[in-house]
C-alpha cells in the first residue's frame, strides 16, 4: 500500500522540526545570504519578475519531486541497509539521543552507558530529547531475578557482581530522575524484567543498534548492527522489547516501598520506605517511620502495602540493633543503596494456619 500525501507532509514537518547542528545552521544562513545578494544583483534585469517566478516555480517542482518521490525511495533503501560497528560507542549513542524527537529505548542486562564515564553526556541528551517530546524507555534486568545468576554464569563472573552493576545503574538513574522537572520526568521510565532478553537494543528515533548476549563477553564489546527500526531485524527486537516491557516492573517498586500504618486508636499514616528482603521477608528503613513507632504501641499497629499483597495486614516489629540479623540487614542495605542505615522494621506477614 502506498502512503498518501498526509503522512508525507507529516514526515516533512517532523524533518523540519528536527534540531540541527550549529554547523548546519551556519551553512544554511550563508546560503540564504548568498541567495539574497544574487536576487538583489539581478533586480535590474529585463523581465525580472517573470524570470524570478519561472525559476522559483521550477525549484519548487524540484523540491516536491525530492520530498515525495526521491526522499521515500532513499528512505526505503536505507531501511534495508545494515551497518556494522565493532563495539558499542556510548558517546556516539549519547549524541544520537541528544537529537531524538520521538523515542529512545535501551534494553540490556546493565550498561556502561549509565556509568560515571558516560552518564553525564547521556543525561544531557535525555534532557534535550524529553524537551523535544521524546519518550525515553530503559529496560534492565531485575537484580533479584534468576536471570542474573544465569547471565553471571555465561560471563564467567559471580552473579553478585552482575547484581551490583545493575544496582549501580539503578541508583544513577534514580538520582537523575529526581532532578528532572515534572514534564521531563513523565517522559522517562525505567523498568526491570525478570527474563533474560537474549538481545540488546539501543534505539534513537527510527534507527537502532542491535546486539546479542554472548557467552564470555559483555554485549557492548561485540559487534553492533545498526538497522532501521522498520527493518525485519529491528521489528523483531522491538517486539521482544515490548513483550518484556509489558511484563517488567517500574524501578520505583525496586527502590521504594509504599507502606500504610494503621493505628487502632489514631487512624492511618502513609510512608515511603527504602527496603530490603531477607529470607523473603521485607525490612524497611525510614527515619520518620521509626520516629512514628516510638510514640505508639506496636501491638495496636498493622502495616499494609499493595506491593506486599492487597488486603494483607503485616505485623510491625522493630529489629534489635544488637542482633546478627541487624548486621545482615546493614550489609544488604549498603549493597542496594550505597548508604548507611541505623534502624530497621520488619513487616511480618500474617501466619497462615494449615488444617486438614
C-alpha atoms as a PDB file:
ATOM      1  CA  UNK A   1       0.000   0.000   0.000  1.00  0.00           C
ATOM      2  CA  UNK A   2       1.331   3.386  -0.989  1.00  0.00           C
ATOM      3  CA  UNK A   3       1.466   6.155   1.577  1.00  0.00           C
ATOM      4  CA  UNK A   4      -0.832   9.133   0.997  1.00  0.00           C
ATOM      5  CA  UNK A   5       0.135  12.799   0.928  1.00  0.00           C
ATOM      6  CA  UNK A   6      -0.802  13.414   4.580  1.00  0.00           C
ATOM      7  CA  UNK A   7       1.856  11.039   6.016  1.00  0.00           C
ATOM      8  CA  UNK A   8       4.397  12.594   3.637  1.00  0.00           C
ATOM      9  CA  UNK A   9       3.533  16.073   4.897  1.00  0.00           C
ATOM     10  CA  UNK A  10       3.824  14.885   8.487  1.00  0.00           C
ATOM     11  CA  UNK A  11       7.241  13.421   7.690  1.00  0.00           C
ATOM     12  CA  UNK A  12       8.316  16.739   6.129  1.00  0.00           C
ATOM     13  CA  UNK A  13       7.086  18.760   9.135  1.00  0.00           C
ATOM     14  CA  UNK A  14       8.867  16.398  11.532  1.00  0.00           C
ATOM     15  CA  UNK A  15      12.065  16.654   9.487  1.00  0.00           C
ATOM     16  CA  UNK A  16      11.877  20.436   9.591  1.00  0.00           C
ATOM     17  CA  UNK A  17      11.349  20.354  13.374  1.00  0.00           C
ATOM     18  CA  UNK A  18      14.334  18.087  13.935  1.00  0.00           C
ATOM     19  CA  UNK A  19      17.103  20.025  15.753  1.00  0.00           C
ATOM     20  CA  UNK A  20      20.069  20.899  13.527  1.00  0.00           C
ATOM     21  CA  UNK A  21      23.704  21.130  14.458  1.00  0.00           C
ATOM     22  CA  UNK A  22      25.267  24.625  14.651  1.00  0.00           C
ATOM     23  CA  UNK A  23      27.413  23.878  11.580  1.00  0.00           C
ATOM     24  CA  UNK A  24      24.301  23.120   9.503  1.00  0.00           C
ATOM     25  CA  UNK A  25      22.611  26.325  10.633  1.00  0.00           C
ATOM     26  CA  UNK A  26      25.720  28.329   9.732  1.00  0.00           C
ATOM     27  CA  UNK A  27      25.832  26.871   6.206  1.00  0.00           C
ATOM     28  CA  UNK A  28      22.083  27.484   5.794  1.00  0.00           C
ATOM     29  CA  UNK A  29      22.470  31.136   6.843  1.00  0.00           C
ATOM     30  CA  UNK A  30      25.387  31.668   4.427  1.00  0.00           C
ATOM     31  CA  UNK A  31      23.422  30.158   1.544  1.00  0.00           C
ATOM     32  CA  UNK A  32      20.444  32.378   2.367  1.00  0.00           C
ATOM     33  CA  UNK A  33      22.667  35.484   2.345  1.00  0.00           C
ATOM     34  CA  UNK A  34      24.237  34.488  -0.990  1.00  0.00           C
ATOM     35  CA  UNK A  35      20.799  33.858  -2.499  1.00  0.00           C
ATOM     36  CA  UNK A  36      19.585  37.266  -1.297  1.00  0.00           C
ATOM     37  CA  UNK A  37      22.610  39.012  -2.806  1.00  0.00           C
ATOM     38  CA  UNK A  38      22.129  37.280  -6.164  1.00  0.00           C
ATOM     39  CA  UNK A  39      18.454  38.241  -6.277  1.00  0.00           C
ATOM     40  CA  UNK A  40      19.363  41.848  -5.429  1.00  0.00           C
ATOM     41  CA  UNK A  41      22.032  41.993  -8.145  1.00  0.00           C
ATOM     42  CA  UNK A  42      19.568  40.643 -10.715  1.00  0.00           C
ATOM     43  CA  UNK A  43      16.798  43.109  -9.798  1.00  0.00           C
ATOM     44  CA  UNK A  44      17.744  45.480 -12.646  1.00  0.00           C
ATOM     45  CA  UNK A  45      17.494  42.972 -15.497  1.00  0.00           C
ATOM     46  CA  UNK A  46      14.672  42.925 -18.038  1.00  0.00           C
ATOM     47  CA  UNK A  47      11.560  40.868 -17.178  1.00  0.00           C
ATOM     48  CA  UNK A  48      12.875  40.373 -13.632  1.00  0.00           C
ATOM     49  CA  UNK A  49       9.534  39.347 -12.145  1.00  0.00           C
ATOM     50  CA  UNK A  50       8.761  36.828 -14.888  1.00  0.00           C
ATOM     51  CA  UNK A  51      12.223  35.265 -14.710  1.00  0.00           C
ATOM     52  CA  UNK A  52      12.044  35.115 -10.885  1.00  0.00           C
ATOM     53  CA  UNK A  53       8.633  33.431 -10.989  1.00  0.00           C
ATOM     54  CA  UNK A  54       9.851  30.922 -13.594  1.00  0.00           C
ATOM     55  CA  UNK A  55      12.943  29.962 -11.620  1.00  0.00           C
ATOM     56  CA  UNK A  56      11.115  29.735  -8.308  1.00  0.00           C
ATOM     57  CA  UNK A  57       8.399  27.595  -9.865  1.00  0.00           C
ATOM     58  CA  UNK A  58      10.991  25.237 -11.343  1.00  0.00           C
ATOM     59  CA  UNK A  59      12.775  24.963  -7.981  1.00  0.00           C
ATOM     60  CA  UNK A  60       9.504  24.244  -6.158  1.00  0.00           C
ATOM     61  CA  UNK A  61       8.736  21.429  -8.613  1.00  0.00           C
ATOM     62  CA  UNK A  62      12.192  20.023  -7.836  1.00  0.00           C
ATOM     63  CA  UNK A  63      11.505  20.225  -4.080  1.00  0.00           C
ATOM     64  CA  UNK A  64       8.170  18.397  -4.475  1.00  0.00           C
ATOM     65  CA  UNK A  65       9.792  15.627  -6.533  1.00  0.00           C
ATOM     66  CA  UNK A  66      12.617  15.306  -3.998  1.00  0.00           C
ATOM     67  CA  UNK A  67      10.339  15.168  -0.943  1.00  0.00           C
ATOM     68  CA  UNK A  68       7.580  12.944  -2.310  1.00  0.00           C
ATOM     69  CA  UNK A  69       9.468  10.710  -4.786  1.00  0.00           C
ATOM     70  CA  UNK A  70      13.228  10.642  -4.297  1.00  0.00           C
ATOM     71  CA  UNK A  71      13.132  11.013  -0.491  1.00  0.00           C
ATOM     72  CA  UNK A  72      10.878   7.962   0.117  1.00  0.00           C
ATOM     73  CA  UNK A  73      12.946   5.854  -2.299  1.00  0.00           C
ATOM     74  CA  UNK A  74      16.146   6.721  -0.424  1.00  0.00           C
ATOM     75  CA  UNK A  75      14.443   6.025   2.919  1.00  0.00           C
ATOM     76  CA  UNK A  76      13.294   2.579   1.780  1.00  0.00           C
ATOM     77  CA  UNK A  77      16.784   1.776   0.529  1.00  0.00           C
ATOM     78  CA  UNK A  78      18.286   2.815   3.876  1.00  0.00           C
ATOM     79  CA  UNK A  79      15.803   0.693   5.836  1.00  0.00           C
ATOM     80  CA  UNK A  80      17.306  -2.462   4.416  1.00  0.00           C
ATOM     81  CA  UNK A  81      20.905  -1.354   4.983  1.00  0.00           C
ATOM     82  CA  UNK A  82      22.866  -2.887   7.862  1.00  0.00           C
ATOM     83  CA  UNK A  83      25.870  -1.029   9.189  1.00  0.00           C
ATOM     84  CA  UNK A  84      28.313  -2.846  11.460  1.00  0.00           C
ATOM     85  CA  UNK A  85      30.020  -1.232  14.460  1.00  0.00           C
ATOM     86  CA  UNK A  86      32.917  -3.128  16.008  1.00  0.00           C
ATOM     87  CA  UNK A  87      31.725  -2.179  19.500  1.00  0.00           C
ATOM     88  CA  UNK A  88      29.136  -0.041  21.264  1.00  0.00           C
ATOM     89  CA  UNK A  89      30.330   3.571  21.225  1.00  0.00           C
ATOM     90  CA  UNK A  90      28.465   5.052  24.200  1.00  0.00           C
ATOM     91  CA  UNK A  91      29.493   8.641  23.472  1.00  0.00           C
ATOM     92  CA  UNK A  92      28.269   8.341  19.888  1.00  0.00           C
ATOM     93  CA  UNK A  93      24.937   6.896  21.043  1.00  0.00           C
ATOM     94  CA  UNK A  94      24.527   9.701  23.605  1.00  0.00           C
ATOM     95  CA  UNK A  95      24.977  12.201  20.749  1.00  0.00           C
ATOM     96  CA  UNK A  96      22.192  10.468  18.781  1.00  0.00           C
ATOM     97  CA  UNK A  97      19.924  10.651  21.834  1.00  0.00           C
ATOM     98  CA  UNK A  98      20.511  14.412  22.026  1.00  0.00           C
ATOM     99  CA  UNK A  99      18.837  14.930  18.659  1.00  0.00           C
ATOM    100  CA  UNK A 100      15.951  12.486  19.168  1.00  0.00           C
ATOM    101  CA  UNK A 101      12.398  13.797  18.894  1.00  0.00           C
ATOM    102  CA  UNK A 102      10.221  10.656  19.116  1.00  0.00           C
ATOM    103  CA  UNK A 103      11.575   7.675  21.028  1.00  0.00           C
ATOM    104  CA  UNK A 104      14.669   6.447  22.856  1.00  0.00           C
ATOM    105  CA  UNK A 105      14.925   2.862  24.088  1.00  0.00           C
ATOM    106  CA  UNK A 106      17.618   0.904  25.914  1.00  0.00           C
ATOM    107  CA  UNK A 107      17.425  -2.837  26.586  1.00  0.00           C
ATOM    108  CA  UNK A 108      20.351  -4.523  28.331  1.00  0.00           C
ATOM    109  CA  UNK A 109      21.360  -6.527  31.389  1.00  0.00           C
ATOM    110  CA  UNK A 110      23.168  -3.464  32.702  1.00  0.00           C
ATOM    111  CA  UNK A 111      25.036  -0.806  30.764  1.00  0.00           C
ATOM    112  CA  UNK A 112      28.221   1.231  30.995  1.00  0.00           C
ATOM    113  CA  UNK A 113      26.111   3.945  29.396  1.00  0.00           C
ATOM    114  CA  UNK A 114      24.907   4.773  32.922  1.00  0.00           C
ATOM    115  CA  UNK A 115      28.387   4.576  34.438  1.00  0.00           C
ATOM    116  CA  UNK A 116      30.434   7.576  35.602  1.00  0.00           C
ATOM    117  CA  UNK A 117      32.324   7.868  32.307  1.00  0.00           C
ATOM    118  CA  UNK A 118      29.308   8.330  30.004  1.00  0.00           C
ATOM    119  CA  UNK A 119      26.233   9.100  32.133  1.00  0.00           C
ATOM    120  CA  UNK A 120      26.737  12.873  32.241  1.00  0.00           C
ATOM    121  CA  UNK A 121      26.740  13.199  28.462  1.00  0.00           C
ATOM    122  CA  UNK A 122      23.833  10.772  28.127  1.00  0.00           C
ATOM    123  CA  UNK A 123      21.716  12.662  30.632  1.00  0.00           C
ATOM    124  CA  UNK A 124      22.321  15.900  28.740  1.00  0.00           C
ATOM    125  CA  UNK A 125      20.991  14.092  25.696  1.00  0.00           C
ATOM    126  CA  UNK A 126      17.984  12.764  27.613  1.00  0.00           C
ATOM    127  CA  UNK A 127      17.139  16.269  28.847  1.00  0.00           C
ATOM    128  CA  UNK A 128      17.266  17.560  25.269  1.00  0.00           C
ATOM    129  CA  UNK A 129      15.246  14.625  23.912  1.00  0.00           C
ATOM    130  CA  UNK A 130      12.488  14.951  26.518  1.00  0.00           C
ATOM    131  CA  UNK A 131      12.388  18.703  25.886  1.00  0.00           C
ATOM    132  CA  UNK A 132      11.573  17.824  22.255  1.00  0.00           C
ATOM    133  CA  UNK A 133       8.810  15.468  23.437  1.00  0.00           C
ATOM    134  CA  UNK A 134      10.695  12.175  23.012  1.00  0.00           C
ATOM    135  CA  UNK A 135       9.717   9.238  25.224  1.00  0.00           C
ATOM    136  CA  UNK A 136      12.679   7.530  26.937  1.00  0.00           C
ATOM    137  CA  UNK A 137      12.262   3.866  27.972  1.00  0.00           C
ATOM    138  CA  UNK A 138      15.032   1.966  29.770  1.00  0.00           C
ATOM    139  CA  UNK A 139      14.696  -1.757  30.490  1.00  0.00           C
ATOM    140  CA  UNK A 140      17.311  -3.554  32.591  1.00  0.00           C
ATOM    141  CA  UNK A 141      17.458  -6.969  34.222  1.00  0.00           C
ATOM    142  CA  UNK A 142      15.892  -7.310  37.678  1.00  0.00           C
ATOM    143  CA  UNK A 143      18.864  -7.744  40.063  1.00  0.00           C
ATOM    144  CA  UNK A 144      16.846 -10.146  42.235  1.00  0.00           C
ATOM    145  CA  UNK A 145      15.836 -12.425  39.351  1.00  0.00           C
ATOM    146  CA  UNK A 146      17.204 -15.858  38.495  1.00  0.00           C
ATOM    147  CA  UNK A 147      18.223 -14.480  35.093  1.00  0.00           C
ATOM    148  CA  UNK A 148      21.044 -12.580  36.833  1.00  0.00           C
ATOM    149  CA  UNK A 149      22.520 -15.882  38.050  1.00  0.00           C
ATOM    150  CA  UNK A 150      22.325 -17.362  34.557  1.00  0.00           C
ATOM    151  CA  UNK A 151      23.932 -14.302  32.969  1.00  0.00           C
ATOM    152  CA  UNK A 152      26.705 -14.404  35.564  1.00  0.00           C
ATOM    153  CA  UNK A 153      27.486 -17.971  34.582  1.00  0.00           C
ATOM    154  CA  UNK A 154      27.557 -17.026  30.896  1.00  0.00           C
ATOM    155  CA  UNK A 155      30.080 -14.275  31.624  1.00  0.00           C
ATOM    156  CA  UNK A 156      32.131 -16.423  33.963  1.00  0.00           C
ATOM    157  CA  UNK A 157      31.508 -13.966  36.794  1.00  0.00           C
ATOM    158  CA  UNK A 158      29.777 -14.164  40.131  1.00  0.00           C
ATOM    159  CA  UNK A 159      26.086 -13.285  39.938  1.00  0.00           C
ATOM    160  CA  UNK A 160      26.690 -10.895  42.855  1.00  0.00           C
ATOM    161  CA  UNK A 161      28.972  -8.829  40.581  1.00  0.00           C
ATOM    162  CA  UNK A 162      26.267  -8.563  37.900  1.00  0.00           C
ATOM    163  CA  UNK A 163      23.732  -7.649  40.574  1.00  0.00           C
ATOM    164  CA  UNK A 164      25.951  -4.852  41.917  1.00  0.00           C
ATOM    165  CA  UNK A 165      26.470  -3.464  38.408  1.00  0.00           C
ATOM    166  CA  UNK A 166      22.702  -3.352  37.820  1.00  0.00           C
ATOM    167  CA  UNK A 167      22.076  -1.666  41.154  1.00  0.00           C
ATOM    168  CA  UNK A 168      24.743   0.960  40.387  1.00  0.00           C
ATOM    169  CA  UNK A 169      22.827   1.719  37.186  1.00  0.00           C
ATOM    170  CA  UNK A 170      19.559   1.958  39.099  1.00  0.00           C
ATOM    171  CA  UNK A 171      20.973   4.305  41.730  1.00  0.00           C
ATOM    172  CA  UNK A 172      22.338   6.572  38.991  1.00  0.00           C
ATOM    173  CA  UNK A 173      19.028   6.570  37.100  1.00  0.00           C
ATOM    174  CA  UNK A 174      17.024   7.169  40.268  1.00  0.00           C
ATOM    175  CA  UNK A 175      19.130  10.211  41.204  1.00  0.00           C
ATOM    176  CA  UNK A 176      18.833  11.607  37.691  1.00  0.00           C
ATOM    177  CA  UNK A 177      15.061  11.084  37.545  1.00  0.00           C
ATOM    178  CA  UNK A 178      14.603  13.020  40.795  1.00  0.00           C
ATOM    179  CA  UNK A 179      16.432  16.010  39.292  1.00  0.00           C
ATOM    180  CA  UNK A 180      14.108  16.323  36.296  1.00  0.00           C
ATOM    181  CA  UNK A 181      11.149  18.671  36.069  1.00  0.00           C
ATOM    182  CA  UNK A 182       7.666  17.191  36.032  1.00  0.00           C
ATOM    183  CA  UNK A 183       7.274  17.203  32.249  1.00  0.00           C
ATOM    184  CA  UNK A 184      10.620  15.508  31.548  1.00  0.00           C
ATOM    185  CA  UNK A 185      10.074  13.047  34.406  1.00  0.00           C
ATOM    186  CA  UNK A 186       6.774  11.931  32.859  1.00  0.00           C
ATOM    187  CA  UNK A 187       8.617  11.029  29.629  1.00  0.00           C
ATOM    188  CA  UNK A 188      11.347   8.964  31.336  1.00  0.00           C
ATOM    189  CA  UNK A 189      10.508   5.469  32.555  1.00  0.00           C
ATOM    190  CA  UNK A 190      12.789   2.725  33.853  1.00  0.00           C
ATOM    191  CA  UNK A 191      11.590  -0.858  34.274  1.00  0.00           C
ATOM    192  CA  UNK A 192      13.091  -4.173  35.336  1.00  0.00           C
ATOM    193  CA  UNK A 193      12.489  -7.505  33.618  1.00  0.00           C
ATOM    194  CA  UNK A 194      12.981 -10.899  35.220  1.00  0.00           C
ATOM    195  CA  UNK A 195      13.605 -12.796  31.947  1.00  0.00           C
ATOM    196  CA  UNK A 196      16.856 -12.686  30.016  1.00  0.00           C
ATOM    197  CA  UNK A 197      16.182 -10.711  26.804  1.00  0.00           C
ATOM    198  CA  UNK A 198      18.791 -12.550  24.722  1.00  0.00           C
ATOM    199  CA  UNK A 199      19.381  -9.343  22.738  1.00  0.00           C
ATOM    200  CA  UNK A 200      20.297  -5.743  23.428  1.00  0.00           C
ATOM    201  CA  UNK A 201      18.691  -2.666  21.913  1.00  0.00           C
ATOM    202  CA  UNK A 202      19.858   0.950  21.785  1.00  0.00           C
ATOM    203  CA  UNK A 203      17.316   2.956  19.797  1.00  0.00           C
ATOM    204  CA  UNK A 204      17.069   6.605  18.810  1.00  0.00           C
ATOM    205  CA  UNK A 205      14.005   7.580  16.756  1.00  0.00           C
ATOM    206  CA  UNK A 206      13.897   5.340  13.655  1.00  0.00           C
ATOM    207  CA  UNK A 207      17.395   3.802  13.964  1.00  0.00           C
ATOM    208  CA  UNK A 208      18.783   1.353  16.490  1.00  0.00           C
ATOM    209  CA  UNK A 209      21.833  -0.685  17.464  1.00  0.00           C
ATOM    210  CA  UNK A 210      21.181  -4.396  17.967  1.00  0.00           C
ATOM    211  CA  UNK A 211      23.461  -6.997  19.521  1.00  0.00           C
ATOM    212  CA  UNK A 212      23.170 -10.362  21.240  1.00  0.00           C
ATOM    213  CA  UNK A 213      24.078 -11.572  24.722  1.00  0.00           C
ATOM    214  CA  UNK A 214      27.080 -13.771  24.043  1.00  0.00           C
ATOM    215  CA  UNK A 215      28.955 -16.190  26.291  1.00  0.00           C
ATOM    216  CA  UNK A 216      32.120 -14.897  27.960  1.00  0.00           C
ATOM    217  CA  UNK A 217      31.826 -11.293  26.749  1.00  0.00           C
ATOM    218  CA  UNK A 218      29.737  -8.235  27.547  1.00  0.00           C
ATOM    219  CA  UNK A 219      27.299  -7.283  24.803  1.00  0.00           C
ATOM    220  CA  UNK A 220      28.838  -3.816  24.397  1.00  0.00           C
ATOM    221  CA  UNK A 221      32.202  -5.349  23.497  1.00  0.00           C
ATOM    222  CA  UNK A 222      30.818  -7.220  20.497  1.00  0.00           C
ATOM    223  CA  UNK A 223      29.647  -6.209  17.028  1.00  0.00           C
ATOM    224  CA  UNK A 224      26.662  -3.845  16.953  1.00  0.00           C
ATOM    225  CA  UNK A 225      24.281  -3.924  13.990  1.00  0.00           C
ATOM    226  CA  UNK A 226      22.830  -0.537  13.103  1.00  0.00           C
ATOM    227  CA  UNK A 227      19.488  -1.035  11.360  1.00  0.00           C
ATOM    228  CA  UNK A 228      16.229   0.786  10.782  1.00  0.00           C
ATOM    229  CA  UNK A 229      13.511   0.102  13.335  1.00  0.00           C
ATOM    230  CA  UNK A 230      11.165  -0.949  10.499  1.00  0.00           C
ATOM    231  CA  UNK A 231      13.633  -3.479   9.095  1.00  0.00           C
ATOM    232  CA  UNK A 232      12.972  -7.199   9.800  1.00  0.00           C
ATOM    233  CA  UNK A 233      15.687  -7.356  12.483  1.00  0.00           C
ATOM    234  CA  UNK A 234      14.590  -4.045  14.005  1.00  0.00           C
ATOM    235  CA  UNK A 235      10.958  -5.183  14.079  1.00  0.00           C
ATOM    236  CA  UNK A 236      11.919  -8.470  15.773  1.00  0.00           C
ATOM    237  CA  UNK A 237      13.918  -6.756  18.532  1.00  0.00           C
ATOM    238  CA  UNK A 238      11.209  -4.116  19.014  1.00  0.00           C
ATOM    239  CA  UNK A 239       8.648  -6.872  19.569  1.00  0.00           C
ATOM    240  CA  UNK A 240      10.936  -8.520  22.099  1.00  0.00           C
ATOM    241  CA  UNK A 241      11.352  -5.193  23.892  1.00  0.00           C
ATOM    242  CA  UNK A 242       7.598  -4.607  24.017  1.00  0.00           C
ATOM    243  CA  UNK A 243       6.960  -8.093  25.433  1.00  0.00           C
ATOM    244  CA  UNK A 244       9.483  -7.624  28.228  1.00  0.00           C
ATOM    245  CA  UNK A 245       8.328  -4.061  28.856  1.00  0.00           C
ATOM    246  CA  UNK A 246       4.752  -5.168  29.481  1.00  0.00           C
ATOM    247  CA  UNK A 247       5.938  -7.802  31.972  1.00  0.00           C
ATOM    248  CA  UNK A 248       8.506  -5.545  33.663  1.00  0.00           C
ATOM    249  CA  UNK A 249       8.038  -3.704  36.941  1.00  0.00           C
ATOM    250  CA  UNK A 250       8.770   0.010  37.465  1.00  0.00           C
ATOM    251  CA  UNK A 251      12.098   0.899  39.023  1.00  0.00           C
ATOM    252  CA  UNK A 252      10.283   2.646  41.891  1.00  0.00           C
ATOM    253  CA  UNK A 253       8.932  -0.711  43.077  1.00  0.00           C
ATOM    254  CA  UNK A 254      12.503  -1.934  43.499  1.00  0.00           C
ATOM    255  CA  UNK A 255      13.862   1.167  45.228  1.00  0.00           C
ATOM    256  CA  UNK A 256      10.927   2.298  47.394  1.00  0.00           C
ATOM    257  CA  UNK A 257       8.042   0.573  49.151  1.00  0.00           C
ATOM    258  CA  UNK A 258       4.832   2.486  49.962  1.00  0.00           C
ATOM    259  CA  UNK A 259       3.604   1.484  53.431  1.00  0.00           C
ATOM    260  CA  UNK A 260       0.409   2.441  55.262  1.00  0.00           C
ATOM    261  CA  UNK A 261       0.445   2.101  59.058  1.00  0.00           C
ATOM    262  CA  UNK A 262      -2.970   1.667  60.647  1.00  0.00           C
ATOM    263  CA  UNK A 263      -3.280   2.574  64.324  1.00  0.00           C
ATOM    264  CA  UNK A 264      -6.349   1.145  66.025  1.00  0.00           C
ATOM    265  CA  UNK A 265      -6.631   4.342  68.073  1.00  0.00           C
ATOM    266  CA  UNK A 266      -5.188   7.013  65.775  1.00  0.00           C
ATOM    267  CA  UNK A 267      -6.119   6.371  62.134  1.00  0.00           C
ATOM    268  CA  UNK A 268      -3.736   5.883  59.184  1.00  0.00           C
ATOM    269  CA  UNK A 269      -0.341   7.241  58.146  1.00  0.00           C
ATOM    270  CA  UNK A 270       1.420   6.925  54.775  1.00  0.00           C
ATOM    271  CA  UNK A 271       5.174   6.288  54.409  1.00  0.00           C
ATOM    272  CA  UNK A 272       7.561   5.702  51.512  1.00  0.00           C
ATOM    273  CA  UNK A 273      10.421   3.486  52.666  1.00  0.00           C
ATOM    274  CA  UNK A 274      13.634   2.049  51.348  1.00  0.00           C
ATOM    275  CA  UNK A 275      13.664  -1.685  51.916  1.00  0.00           C
ATOM    276  CA  UNK A 276      15.490  -4.992  51.602  1.00  0.00           C
ATOM    277  CA  UNK A 277      14.409  -8.616  51.685  1.00  0.00           C
ATOM    278  CA  UNK A 278      15.984 -11.310  53.859  1.00  0.00           C
ATOM    279  CA  UNK A 279      14.550 -14.829  53.658  1.00  0.00           C
ATOM    280  CA  UNK A 280      11.603 -13.452  51.635  1.00  0.00           C
ATOM    281  CA  UNK A 281      10.615 -11.119  54.466  1.00  0.00           C
ATOM    282  CA  UNK A 282      10.589  -7.318  53.922  1.00  0.00           C
ATOM    283  CA  UNK A 283      12.524  -4.984  56.210  1.00  0.00           C
ATOM    284  CA  UNK A 284      12.022  -1.246  55.794  1.00  0.00           C
ATOM    285  CA  UNK A 285      14.265   1.666  56.722  1.00  0.00           C
ATOM    286  CA  UNK A 286      12.693   5.090  57.208  1.00  0.00           C
ATOM    287  CA  UNK A 287      13.667   7.527  59.996  1.00  0.00           C
ATOM    288  CA  UNK A 288      10.219   9.161  60.029  1.00  0.00           C
ATOM    289  CA  UNK A 289       8.566   5.750  60.370  1.00  0.00           C
ATOM    290  CA  UNK A 290      10.820   4.784  63.286  1.00  0.00           C
ATOM    291  CA  UNK A 291      10.046   8.110  64.986  1.00  0.00           C
ATOM    292  CA  UNK A 292       6.334   7.465  64.490  1.00  0.00           C
ATOM    293  CA  UNK A 293       6.624   3.992  66.034  1.00  0.00           C
ATOM    294  CA  UNK A 294       8.476   5.316  69.093  1.00  0.00           C
ATOM    295  CA  UNK A 295       5.345   7.203  70.176  1.00  0.00           C
ATOM    296  CA  UNK A 296       2.876   4.327  69.735  1.00  0.00           C
ATOM    297  CA  UNK A 297       2.119   0.828  70.912  1.00  0.00           C
ATOM    298  CA  UNK A 298       3.250  -1.726  68.353  1.00  0.00           C
ATOM    299  CA  UNK A 299       0.520  -4.192  69.295  1.00  0.00           C
ATOM    300  CA  UNK A 300      -2.061  -1.677  68.042  1.00  0.00           C
ATOM    301  CA  UNK A 301      -0.352  -1.139  64.689  1.00  0.00           C
ATOM    302  CA  UNK A 302      -0.627  -3.023  61.429  1.00  0.00           C
ATOM    303  CA  UNK A 303       1.134  -2.353  58.120  1.00  0.00           C
ATOM    304  CA  UNK A 304      -0.399  -2.555  54.651  1.00  0.00           C
ATOM    305  CA  UNK A 305       1.153  -2.327  51.185  1.00  0.00           C
ATOM    306  CA  UNK A 306      -0.281  -3.324  47.836  1.00  0.00           C
ATOM    307  CA  UNK A 307       3.215  -4.341  46.756  1.00  0.00           C
ATOM    308  CA  UNK A 308       3.207  -6.997  49.505  1.00  0.00           C
ATOM    309  CA  UNK A 309      -0.290  -8.248  48.845  1.00  0.00           C
ATOM    310  CA  UNK A 310      -3.584  -6.443  48.701  1.00  0.00           C
ATOM    311  CA  UNK A 311      -5.669  -6.713  51.869  1.00  0.00           C
ATOM    312  CA  UNK A 312      -2.929  -8.385  53.959  1.00  0.00           C
ATOM    313  CA  UNK A 313      -2.148  -6.843  57.344  1.00  0.00           C
ATOM    314  CA  UNK A 314       1.501  -7.208  58.370  1.00  0.00           C
ATOM    315  CA  UNK A 315       2.763  -7.189  61.921  1.00  0.00           C
ATOM    316  CA  UNK A 316       5.211  -4.372  62.774  1.00  0.00           C
ATOM    317  CA  UNK A 317       8.396  -5.451  64.608  1.00  0.00           C
ATOM    318  CA  UNK A 318      11.465  -3.327  65.326  1.00  0.00           C
ATOM    319  CA  UNK A 319      14.676  -5.287  64.662  1.00  0.00           C
ATOM    320  CA  UNK A 320      17.091  -5.496  67.593  1.00  0.00           C
ATOM    321  CA  UNK A 321      20.153  -3.439  66.645  1.00  0.00           C
ATOM    322  CA  UNK A 322      22.429  -5.859  68.537  1.00  0.00           C
ATOM    323  CA  UNK A 323      21.306  -8.948  66.633  1.00  0.00           C
ATOM    324  CA  UNK A 324      23.061 -10.801  63.832  1.00  0.00           C
ATOM    325  CA  UNK A 325      20.027 -10.069  61.660  1.00  0.00           C
ATOM    326  CA  UNK A 326      20.649  -6.337  62.052  1.00  0.00           C
ATOM    327  CA  UNK A 327      24.218  -6.719  60.800  1.00  0.00           C
ATOM    328  CA  UNK A 328      22.962  -8.708  57.840  1.00  0.00           C
ATOM    329  CA  UNK A 329      20.377  -6.036  57.029  1.00  0.00           C
ATOM    330  CA  UNK A 330      23.005  -3.279  57.146  1.00  0.00           C
ATOM    331  CA  UNK A 331      25.104  -5.218  54.642  1.00  0.00           C
ATOM    332  CA  UNK A 332      22.162  -5.788  52.268  1.00  0.00           C
ATOM    333  CA  UNK A 333      21.063  -2.167  52.568  1.00  0.00           C
ATOM    334  CA  UNK A 334      24.537  -0.784  51.819  1.00  0.00           C
ATOM    335  CA  UNK A 335      24.816  -3.060  48.796  1.00  0.00           C
ATOM    336  CA  UNK A 336      21.459  -1.944  47.426  1.00  0.00           C
ATOM    337  CA  UNK A 337      21.514   1.795  48.186  1.00  0.00           C
ATOM    338  CA  UNK A 338      25.206   2.536  48.819  1.00  0.00           C
ATOM    339  CA  UNK A 339      24.101   4.194  52.059  1.00  0.00           C
ATOM    340  CA  UNK A 340      24.111   3.560  55.794  1.00  0.00           C
ATOM    341  CA  UNK A 341      21.106   2.701  57.930  1.00  0.00           C
ATOM    342  CA  UNK A 342      20.574   2.723  61.687  1.00  0.00           C
ATOM    343  CA  UNK A 343      17.231   1.034  62.327  1.00  0.00           C
ATOM    344  CA  UNK A 344      15.052  -1.489  60.523  1.00  0.00           C
ATOM    345  CA  UNK A 345      11.431  -2.501  60.909  1.00  0.00           C
ATOM    346  CA  UNK A 346      10.211  -5.945  59.924  1.00  0.00           C
ATOM    347  CA  UNK A 347       6.860  -6.252  58.209  1.00  0.00           C
ATOM    348  CA  UNK A 348       5.961  -9.778  59.188  1.00  0.00           C
ATOM    349  CA  UNK A 349       3.194 -11.348  57.107  1.00  0.00           C
ATOM    350  CA  UNK A 350       0.218 -12.917  58.839  1.00  0.00           C
ATOM    351  CA  UNK A 351       0.594 -16.540  59.883  1.00  0.00           C
ATOM    352  CA  UNK A 352      -1.464 -18.920  57.810  1.00  0.00           C
ATOM    353  CA  UNK A 353      -2.760 -21.914  59.721  1.00  0.00           C
ATOM    354  CA  UNK A 354      -2.911 -25.119  57.710  1.00  0.00           C
ATOM    355  CA  UNK A 355      -5.618 -27.584  58.802  1.00  0.00           C
ATOM    356  CA  UNK A 356      -6.705 -30.904  57.432  1.00  0.00           C
END
